[in-house]
Amino acid sequence: MENIKELQIIYVEDIVSDALRVENALRKQNVRFQLRRVDTRQDFLDAISQQTPDVILSDHGLPEFDGFTALSLTKQICPKAPFIFVTSALTADMNVEKLVGEVADYISKSRLELLGPAIIKAWKRADTRRSPELTAEERADLIRRLLVLLDNTDGYVPICSDCRKVRDPNGRWQSSDVFFRDYLHLYFTHGLCDDCLPKYAE
């Protein structure tokens, strides 16, 4: 990672272990930073008032303080600070097209190796006083990655009734993991839902 100043980062995150994972990932990527974790509205406001952050990171769904509220406050109080979602999954209430114009980037918690470069890119864009909005090319690429599924299937995704594989626009049948990875750049973590858990419980 190129040599830049020590970045002041505010991270909206209620899970301490996830915050530690982010810190460890950034250290491995040789990013110089000071990170302050907050998980309430008041803590966030206190952090912003005490020192203007270079970058703000935020999880999406916190019990007491959600990422959208943090984004709204950021735009009001320190609009030049890049805002990056660091989240486990995109959900239906995250209006993709709206977010593209508001946030600098979004990074999956399963792909933290991408976070350092994303932070540096966002900070350099803000530091050089370039437009805080994404370029037309970046905006188009981000929307394409998130909405290509609907763009190519007219809103319908062919799925096998038996094995649950998904047919891609080229007619190939793939597992859902591979399909969403290739067409949306989304990566899944695997666990057991409440219905399936008893099958594996001793």
C-alpha atoms as a PDB file:
ATOM      1  CA  MET A   1       0.000   0.000   0.000  1.00  0.00           C
ATOM      2  CA  GLU A   2       1.342   3.428  -0.907  1.00  0.00           C
ATOM      3  CA  ASN A   3       2.611   5.708   1.836  1.00  0.00           C
ATOM      4  CA  ILE A   4      -0.043   8.227   2.888  1.00  0.00           C
ATOM      5  CA  LYS A   5      -0.878  10.089   6.059  1.00  0.00           C
ATOM      6  CA  GLU A   6      -2.396   8.389   9.090  1.00  0.00           C
ATOM      7  CA  LEU A   7      -6.121   8.288   8.412  1.00  0.00           C
ATOM      8  CA  GLN A   8      -8.717   9.075  11.058  1.00  0.00           C
ATOM      9  CA  ILE A   9     -11.497   6.505  10.690  1.00  0.00           C
ATOM     10  CA  ILE A  10     -14.858   6.277  12.420  1.00  0.00           C
ATOM     11  CA  TYR A  11     -16.416   2.827  12.261  1.00  0.00           C
ATOM     12  CA  VAL A  12     -20.126   2.353  13.053  1.00  0.00           C
ATOM     13  CA  GLU A  13     -20.153  -1.245  14.290  1.00  0.00           C
ATOM     14  CA  ASP A  14     -21.720  -2.947  17.313  1.00  0.00           C
ATOM     15  CA  ILE A  15     -19.743  -6.202  17.126  1.00  0.00           C
ATOM     16  CA  VAL A  16     -16.308  -5.769  18.671  1.00  0.00           C
ATOM     17  CA  SER A  17     -14.851  -8.848  16.983  1.00  0.00           C
ATOM     18  CA  ASP A  18     -15.872  -7.526  13.543  1.00  0.00           C
ATOM     19  CA  ALA A  19     -14.181  -4.205  14.294  1.00  0.00           C
ATOM     20  CA  LEU A  20     -11.015  -6.067  15.276  1.00  0.00           C
ATOM     21  CA  ARG A  21     -11.129  -8.024  12.018  1.00  0.00           C
ATOM     22  CA  VAL A  22     -11.316  -4.760  10.091  1.00  0.00           C
ATOM     23  CA  GLU A  23      -8.375  -3.309  12.027  1.00  0.00           C
ATOM     24  CA  ASN A  24      -6.296  -6.437  11.439  1.00  0.00           C
ATOM     25  CA  ALA A  25      -7.129  -6.437   7.729  1.00  0.00           C
ATOM     26  CA  LEU A  26      -6.080  -2.802   7.347  1.00  0.00           C
ATOM     27  CA  ARG A  27      -2.806  -3.400   9.217  1.00  0.00           C
ATOM     28  CA  LYS A  28      -2.023  -6.327   6.916  1.00  0.00           C
ATOM     29  CA  GLN A  29      -2.610  -3.969   3.995  1.00  0.00           C
ATOM     30  CA  ASN A  30      -0.181  -1.441   5.536  1.00  0.00           C
ATOM     31  CA  VAL A  31      -2.813   1.256   5.952  1.00  0.00           C
ATOM     32  CA  ARG A  32      -1.835   3.816   8.588  1.00  0.00           C
ATOM     33  CA  PHE A  33      -4.895   4.716  10.637  1.00  0.00           C
ATOM     34  CA  GLN A  34      -6.533   5.493  13.938  1.00  0.00           C
ATOM     35  CA  LEU A  35      -9.936   3.833  14.235  1.00  0.00           C
ATOM     36  CA  ARG A  36     -12.715   4.780  16.625  1.00  0.00           C
ATOM     37  CA  ARG A  37     -15.602   2.343  16.922  1.00  0.00           C
ATOM     38  CA  VAL A  38     -19.067   3.708  17.764  1.00  0.00           C
ATOM     39  CA  ASP A  39     -22.431   1.973  17.996  1.00  0.00           C
ATOM     40  CA  THR A  40     -24.888   4.662  19.085  1.00  0.00           C
ATOM     41  CA  ARG A  41     -26.077   7.913  17.576  1.00  0.00           C
ATOM     42  CA  GLN A  42     -24.617   9.967  20.419  1.00  0.00           C
ATOM     43  CA  ASP A  43     -21.219   8.271  20.200  1.00  0.00           C
ATOM     44  CA  PHE A  44     -21.194   8.944  16.465  1.00  0.00           C
ATOM     45  CA  LEU A  45     -22.043  12.617  16.930  1.00  0.00           C
ATOM     46  CA  ASP A  46     -19.404  12.941  19.660  1.00  0.00           C
ATOM     47  CA  ALA A  47     -16.759  11.349  17.427  1.00  0.00           C
ATOM     48  CA  ILE A  48     -17.530  13.637  14.495  1.00  0.00           C
ATOM     49  CA  SER A  49     -17.585  16.744  16.670  1.00  0.00           C
ATOM     50  CA  GLN A  50     -14.246  15.966  18.281  1.00  0.00           C
ATOM     51  CA  GLN A  51     -12.366  15.336  15.043  1.00  0.00           C
ATOM     52  CA  THR A  52     -13.385  15.436  11.397  1.00  0.00           C
ATOM     53  CA  PRO A  53     -12.865  11.914  10.051  1.00  0.00           C
ATOM     54  CA  ASP A  54     -10.975  11.145   6.861  1.00  0.00           C
ATOM     55  CA  VAL A  55     -13.235   8.146   6.209  1.00  0.00           C
ATOM     56  CA  ILE A  56     -16.382   6.730   7.785  1.00  0.00           C
ATOM     57  CA  LEU A  57     -17.090   3.007   7.725  1.00  0.00           C
ATOM     58  CA  SER A  58     -20.446   1.586   8.718  1.00  0.00           C
ATOM     59  CA  ASP A  59     -22.241  -1.698   9.085  1.00  0.00           C
ATOM     60  CA  HIS A  60     -25.804  -1.699   7.793  1.00  0.00           C
ATOM     61  CA  GLY A  61     -28.113  -3.061  10.484  1.00  0.00           C
ATOM     62  CA  LEU A  62     -27.279  -2.174  14.072  1.00  0.00           C
ATOM     63  CA  PRO A  63     -29.833  -2.677  16.863  1.00  0.00           C
ATOM     64  CA  GLU A  64     -29.747   0.941  18.089  1.00  0.00           C
ATOM     65  CA  PHE A  65     -28.154   2.901  15.255  1.00  0.00           C
ATOM     66  CA  ASP A  66     -28.358   1.911  11.604  1.00  0.00           C
ATOM     67  CA  GLY A  67     -26.042   2.721   8.733  1.00  0.00           C
ATOM     68  CA  PHE A  68     -28.596   4.844   6.895  1.00  0.00           C
ATOM     69  CA  THR A  69     -28.910   7.191   9.860  1.00  0.00           C
ATOM     70  CA  ALA A  70     -25.116   7.419  10.034  1.00  0.00           C
ATOM     71  CA  LEU A  71     -25.017   8.209   6.312  1.00  0.00           C
ATOM     72  CA  SER A  72     -27.659  10.926   6.678  1.00  0.00           C
ATOM     73  CA  LEU A  73     -25.798  12.535   9.588  1.00  0.00           C
ATOM     74  CA  THR A  74     -22.538  12.361   7.660  1.00  0.00           C
ATOM     75  CA  LYS A  75     -24.057  14.222   4.719  1.00  0.00           C
ATOM     76  CA  GLN A  76     -25.347  16.922   7.068  1.00  0.00           C
ATOM     77  CA  ILE A  77     -22.301  17.364   9.318  1.00  0.00           C
ATOM     78  CA  CYS A  78     -19.221  16.388   7.303  1.00  0.00           C
ATOM     79  CA  PRO A  79     -20.369  15.881   3.705  1.00  0.00           C
ATOM     80  CA  LYS A  80     -16.835  15.643   2.315  1.00  0.00           C
ATOM     81  CA  ALA A  81     -15.982  12.559   4.394  1.00  0.00           C
ATOM     82  CA  PRO A  82     -16.179   9.398   2.248  1.00  0.00           C
ATOM     83  CA  PHE A  83     -18.721   6.885   3.559  1.00  0.00           C
ATOM     84  CA  ILE A  84     -18.181   3.158   2.985  1.00  0.00           C
ATOM     85  CA  PHE A  85     -20.593   0.394   3.921  1.00  0.00           C
ATOM     86  CA  VAL A  86     -18.845  -2.651   5.411  1.00  0.00           C
ATOM     87  CA  THR A  87     -21.605  -5.204   5.717  1.00  0.00           C
ATOM     88  CA  SER A  88     -22.289  -8.930   5.637  1.00  0.00           C
ATOM     89  CA  ALA A  89     -25.101  -8.700   3.111  1.00  0.00           C
ATOM     90  CA  LEU A  90     -27.158  -6.321   1.021  1.00  0.00           C
ATOM     91  CA  THR A  91     -30.809  -6.383   2.004  1.00  0.00           C
ATOM     92  CA  ALA A  92     -34.025  -5.451   0.251  1.00  0.00           C
ATOM     93  CA  ASP A  93     -34.316  -2.132   2.069  1.00  0.00           C
ATOM     94  CA  MET A  94     -30.951  -0.943   0.738  1.00  0.00           C
ATOM     95  CA  ASN A  95     -32.050   1.053  -2.310  1.00  0.00           C
ATOM     96  CA  VAL A  96     -29.118   0.242  -4.591  1.00  0.00           C
ATOM     97  CA  GLU A  97     -29.520   3.015  -7.121  1.00  0.00           C
ATOM     98  CA  LYS A  98     -29.930   5.592  -4.368  1.00  0.00           C
ATOM     99  CA  LEU A  99     -26.907   4.294  -2.472  1.00  0.00           C
ATOM    100  CA  VAL A 100     -24.657   4.442  -5.513  1.00  0.00           C
ATOM    101  CA  GLY A 101     -24.805   8.215  -5.545  1.00  0.00           C
ATOM    102  CA  GLU A 102     -24.403   8.563  -1.787  1.00  0.00           C
ATOM    103  CA  VAL A 103     -21.634   6.200  -0.703  1.00  0.00           C
ATOM    104  CA  ALA A 104     -18.027   5.881  -1.810  1.00  0.00           C
ATOM    105  CA  ASP A 105     -18.114   2.089  -1.871  1.00  0.00           C
ATOM    106  CA  TYR A 106     -19.494  -1.007  -0.209  1.00  0.00           C
ATOM    107  CA  ILE A 107     -17.334  -3.912   0.986  1.00  0.00           C
ATOM    108  CA  SER A 108     -18.467  -7.336   2.144  1.00  0.00           C
ATOM    109  CA  LYS A 109     -17.157  -8.443   5.522  1.00  0.00           C
ATOM    110  CA  SER A 110     -16.069 -11.635   3.780  1.00  0.00           C
ATOM    111  CA  ARG A 111     -13.865  -9.646   1.389  1.00  0.00           C
ATOM    112  CA  LEU A 112     -11.938  -7.375   3.742  1.00  0.00           C
ATOM    113  CA  GLU A 113      -8.870  -7.627   1.526  1.00  0.00           C
ATOM    114  CA  LEU A 114     -10.675  -5.091  -0.669  1.00  0.00           C
ATOM    115  CA  LEU A 115     -11.203  -2.589   2.137  1.00  0.00           C
ATOM    116  CA  GLY A 116      -7.747  -0.993   2.219  1.00  0.00           C
ATOM    117  CA  PRO A 117      -7.689  -0.107  -1.485  1.00  0.00           C
ATOM    118  CA  ALA A 118     -11.291   1.141  -1.265  1.00  0.00           C
ATOM    119  CA  ILE A 119     -10.440   3.428   1.652  1.00  0.00           C
ATOM    120  CA  ILE A 120      -7.350   4.845  -0.066  1.00  0.00           C
ATOM    121  CA  LYS A 121      -9.265   5.442  -3.293  1.00  0.00           C
ATOM    122  CA  ALA A 122     -12.125   7.182  -1.481  1.00  0.00           C
ATOM    123  CA  TRP A 123      -9.800   9.314   0.619  1.00  0.00           C
ATOM    124  CA  LYS A 124      -7.693  10.391  -2.355  1.00  0.00           C
ATOM    125  CA  ARG A 125     -10.827  11.384  -4.263  1.00  0.00           C
ATOM    126  CA  ALA A 126     -11.951  13.572  -1.360  1.00  0.00           C
ATOM    127  CA  ASP A 127      -8.464  14.876  -0.573  1.00  0.00           C
ATOM    128  CA  THR A 128      -7.801  16.089  -4.082  1.00  0.00           C
ATOM    129  CA  ARG A 129     -11.118  17.979  -3.993  1.00  0.00           C
ATOM    130  CA  ARG A 130     -12.515  16.034  -6.894  1.00  0.00           C
ATOM    131  CA  SER A 131     -16.269  15.725  -7.147  1.00  0.00           C
ATOM    132  CA  PRO A 132     -17.619  13.647  -4.238  1.00  0.00           C
ATOM    133  CA  GLU A 133     -19.903  11.892  -6.679  1.00  0.00           C
ATOM    134  CA  LEU A 134     -18.752   8.829  -8.551  1.00  0.00           C
ATOM    135  CA  THR A 135     -17.740   9.313 -12.134  1.00  0.00           C
ATOM    136  CA  ALA A 136     -20.263   8.227 -14.740  1.00  0.00           C
ATOM    137  CA  GLU A 137     -18.154   5.145 -15.471  1.00  0.00           C
ATOM    138  CA  GLU A 138     -17.862   4.149 -11.807  1.00  0.00           C
ATOM    139  CA  ARG A 139     -21.562   4.685 -11.236  1.00  0.00           C
ATOM    140  CA  ALA A 140     -22.478   2.595 -14.267  1.00  0.00           C
ATOM    141  CA  ASP A 141     -20.163  -0.214 -13.176  1.00  0.00           C
ATOM    142  CA  LEU A 142     -21.508  -0.311  -9.638  1.00  0.00           C
ATOM    143  CA  ILE A 143     -25.115  -0.341 -10.793  1.00  0.00           C
ATOM    144  CA  ARG A 144     -24.286  -3.022 -13.348  1.00  0.00           C
ATOM    145  CA  ARG A 145     -22.709  -5.266 -10.746  1.00  0.00           C
ATOM    146  CA  LEU A 146     -25.695  -4.969  -8.442  1.00  0.00           C
ATOM    147  CA  LEU A 147     -28.525  -5.027 -10.973  1.00  0.00           C
ATOM    148  CA  VAL A 148     -27.143  -7.130 -13.823  1.00  0.00           C
ATOM    149  CA  LEU A 149     -29.292 -10.032 -12.722  1.00  0.00           C
ATOM    150  CA  LEU A 150     -32.515  -8.111 -13.357  1.00  0.00           C
ATOM    151  CA  ASP A 151     -31.098  -6.441 -16.453  1.00  0.00           C
ATOM    152  CA  ASN A 152     -30.412  -9.797 -18.095  1.00  0.00           C
ATOM    153  CA  THR A 153     -33.459 -11.738 -16.993  1.00  0.00           C
ATOM    154  CA  ASP A 154     -36.269  -9.168 -17.246  1.00  0.00           C
ATOM    155  CA  GLY A 155     -36.888  -9.636 -13.548  1.00  0.00           C
ATOM    156  CA  TYR A 156     -37.162 -13.447 -13.676  1.00  0.00           C
ATOM    157  CA  VAL A 157     -34.410 -15.826 -12.552  1.00  0.00           C
ATOM    158  CA  PRO A 158     -34.760 -19.390 -13.925  1.00  0.00           C
ATOM    159  CA  ILE A 159     -34.098 -21.874 -11.118  1.00  0.00           C
ATOM    160  CA  CYS A 160     -34.256 -25.684 -11.167  1.00  0.00           C
ATOM    161  CA  SER A 161     -37.173 -26.990  -9.111  1.00  0.00           C
ATOM    162  CA  ASP A 162     -35.146 -30.024  -8.045  1.00  0.00           C
ATOM    163  CA  CYS A 163     -31.467 -29.155  -7.499  1.00  0.00           C
ATOM    164  CA  ARG A 164     -32.024 -25.363  -7.159  1.00  0.00           C
ATOM    165  CA  LYS A 165     -29.322 -24.447  -9.662  1.00  0.00           C
ATOM    166  CA  VAL A 166     -29.746 -21.133 -11.470  1.00  0.00           C
ATOM    167  CA  ARG A 167     -29.604 -20.705 -15.254  1.00  0.00           C
ATOM    168  CA  ASP A 168     -27.439 -17.766 -16.291  1.00  0.00           C
ATOM    169  CA  PRO A 169     -28.065 -15.542 -19.354  1.00  0.00           C
ATOM    170  CA  ASN A 170     -25.802 -17.853 -21.399  1.00  0.00           C
ATOM    171  CA  GLY A 171     -27.956 -20.886 -20.660  1.00  0.00           C
ATOM    172  CA  ARG A 172     -25.543 -22.511 -18.204  1.00  0.00           C
ATOM    173  CA  TRP A 173     -26.840 -24.033 -14.971  1.00  0.00           C
ATOM    174  CA  GLN A 174     -24.812 -23.008 -11.939  1.00  0.00           C
ATOM    175  CA  SER A 175     -25.070 -23.196  -8.182  1.00  0.00           C
ATOM    176  CA  SER A 176     -26.523 -20.047  -6.660  1.00  0.00           C
ATOM    177  CA  ASP A 177     -23.179 -19.262  -5.007  1.00  0.00           C
ATOM    178  CA  VAL A 178     -21.358 -19.277  -8.347  1.00  0.00           C
ATOM    179  CA  PHE A 179     -24.149 -17.399 -10.118  1.00  0.00           C
ATOM    180  CA  PHE A 180     -24.257 -14.493  -7.671  1.00  0.00           C
ATOM    181  CA  ARG A 181     -20.462 -14.392  -7.464  1.00  0.00           C
ATOM    182  CA  ASP A 182     -20.030 -14.144 -11.228  1.00  0.00           C
ATOM    183  CA  TYR A 183     -22.892 -11.782 -11.995  1.00  0.00           C
ATOM    184  CA  LEU A 184     -23.247  -9.625  -8.874  1.00  0.00           C
ATOM    185  CA  HIS A 185     -19.852 -10.023  -7.194  1.00  0.00           C
ATOM    186  CA  LEU A 186     -21.670 -11.134  -4.056  1.00  0.00           C
ATOM    187  CA  TYR A 187     -20.100 -13.736  -1.795  1.00  0.00           C
ATOM    188  CA  PHE A 188     -21.994 -15.902   0.670  1.00  0.00           C
ATOM    189  CA  THR A 189     -21.160 -17.177   4.112  1.00  0.00           C
ATOM    190  CA  HIS A 190     -22.679 -20.520   5.013  1.00  0.00           C
ATOM    191  CA  GLY A 191     -24.580 -21.507   8.110  1.00  0.00           C
ATOM    192  CA  LEU A 192     -27.749 -23.279   9.133  1.00  0.00           C
ATOM    193  CA  CYS A 193     -31.192 -21.732   9.408  1.00  0.00           C
ATOM    194  CA  ASP A 194     -33.461 -22.452  12.376  1.00  0.00           C
ATOM    195  CA  ASP A 195     -35.395 -25.057  10.385  1.00  0.00           C
ATOM    196  CA  CYS A 196     -32.308 -27.038   9.323  1.00  0.00           C
ATOM    197  CA  LEU A 197     -30.289 -26.729  12.524  1.00  0.00           C
ATOM    198  CA  PRO A 198     -32.142 -29.541  14.363  1.00  0.00           C
ATOM    199  CA  LYS A 199     -31.120 -31.992  11.608  1.00  0.00           C
ATOM    200  CA  TYR A 200     -27.485 -31.555  12.608  1.00  0.00           C
ATOM    201  CA  ALA A 201     -27.909 -31.151  16.352  1.00  0.00           C
ATOM    202  CA  GLU A 202     -26.799 -34.078  18.443  1.00  0.00           C
END
